[in-house]
Amino acid sequence: MAETKTREGVVVSDKMTKTRVVMIERVYRHPRYERVITRSRRLKAHDETNASKVGDRVLIEETRPLSKDKRWRIRQVLTRVAS
């Protein structure tokens, strides 16, 4: 059985109930030009207890489709933002 995908990102929106928008940044070198490139994706993740807030660094894991756009679930909050 395959292990579930996990990603680390920052919560950028907590306006929805039980849903967080998490931004994941990927840094890599261009294969030909060797320039460092940063790409980001915004994924919707399920947060059952509404524990995370904007600015928190979270670990998310892939899960079954929970809604039209939600395919990730917040596993744990790694660092909290000072409130």
Protein backbone atom coordinates (compact mmCIF):
# COMPACT_ATOMS: atom_id res chain seq x y z
CA MET A 1 0.00 0.00 0.00
CA ALA A 2 1.34 3.42 -0.97
CA GLU A 3 2.11 5.99 1.67
CA THR A 4 0.01 9.18 1.55
CA LYS A 5 1.61 12.32 0.14
CA THR A 6 2.49 14.99 2.68
CA ARG A 7 3.40 18.62 2.07
CA GLU A 8 4.43 21.50 4.29
CA GLY A 9 2.97 24.96 3.75
CA VAL A 10 1.68 28.19 5.24
CA VAL A 11 -1.99 28.96 5.90
CA VAL A 12 -2.95 32.01 3.83
CA SER A 13 -6.72 32.05 4.43
CA ASP A 14 -8.99 30.88 7.27
CA LYS A 15 -12.24 32.56 6.21
CA MET A 16 -14.07 29.30 5.52
CA THR A 17 -15.41 27.00 8.22
CA LYS A 18 -13.36 23.81 8.61
CA THR A 19 -11.32 24.71 5.51
CA ARG A 20 -7.94 26.40 5.19
CA VAL A 21 -6.11 27.58 2.08
CA VAL A 22 -2.49 26.46 2.33
CA MET A 23 0.25 27.84 0.09
CA ILE A 24 3.04 25.43 -0.78
CA GLU A 25 6.26 26.77 -2.25
CA ARG A 26 8.57 24.64 -4.36
CA VAL A 27 12.13 25.81 -5.06
CA TYR A 28 14.12 24.15 -7.83
CA ARG A 29 16.83 24.85 -10.39
CA HIS A 30 15.98 25.26 -14.06
CA PRO A 31 17.37 22.22 -15.94
CA ARG A 32 19.08 24.27 -18.66
CA TYR A 33 19.73 27.73 -17.22
CA GLU A 34 20.47 26.65 -13.60
CA ARG A 35 18.48 29.61 -12.29
CA VAL A 36 16.63 29.10 -9.00
CA ILE A 37 12.87 29.18 -9.59
CA THR A 38 10.15 29.45 -6.95
CA ARG A 39 6.70 28.09 -7.76
CA SER A 40 3.72 28.17 -5.40
CA ARG A 41 0.38 26.38 -5.26
CA ARG A 42 -2.67 27.15 -3.13
CA LEU A 43 -4.45 24.03 -1.92
CA LYS A 44 -7.62 23.76 0.14
CA ALA A 45 -7.19 21.59 3.22
CA HIS A 46 -9.71 20.26 5.76
CA ASP A 47 -9.30 21.44 9.37
CA GLU A 48 -11.94 19.74 11.50
CA THR A 49 -11.34 21.76 14.69
CA ASN A 50 -10.51 25.14 13.08
CA ALA A 51 -7.21 24.99 14.98
CA SER A 52 -4.96 26.71 12.43
CA LYS A 53 -4.86 30.44 11.74
CA VAL A 54 -3.34 32.63 9.01
CA GLY A 55 0.46 32.47 9.12
CA ASP A 56 0.69 29.04 10.77
CA ARG A 57 3.06 26.51 9.21
CA VAL A 58 1.17 23.22 8.78
CA LEU A 59 1.73 19.67 7.55
CA ILE A 60 -1.00 18.48 5.19
CA GLU A 61 -1.67 15.00 3.84
CA GLU A 62 -3.51 13.79 0.77
CA THR A 63 -6.93 12.22 1.36
CA ARG A 64 -10.05 11.19 -0.52
CA PRO A 65 -12.05 13.99 -2.14
CA LEU A 66 -13.91 15.84 0.62
CA SER A 67 -15.57 18.42 -1.63
CA LYS A 68 -15.22 19.89 -5.12
CA ASP A 69 -11.79 21.38 -4.39
CA LYS A 70 -10.65 19.74 -1.11
CA ARG A 71 -8.31 16.76 -1.40
CA TRP A 72 -5.99 17.49 1.53
CA ARG A 73 -6.31 17.32 5.32
CA ILE A 74 -4.25 19.19 7.92
CA ARG A 75 -2.30 16.59 9.89
CA GLN A 76 -0.64 18.94 12.41
CA VAL A 77 0.28 22.55 13.06
CA LEU A 78 4.09 22.77 13.05
CA THR A 79 4.58 26.38 14.16
CA ARG A 80 2.03 28.92 15.30
CA VAL A 81 2.08 32.60 14.45
CA ALA A 82 2.40 35.00 17.39
CA SER A 83 -1.04 36.48 18.04
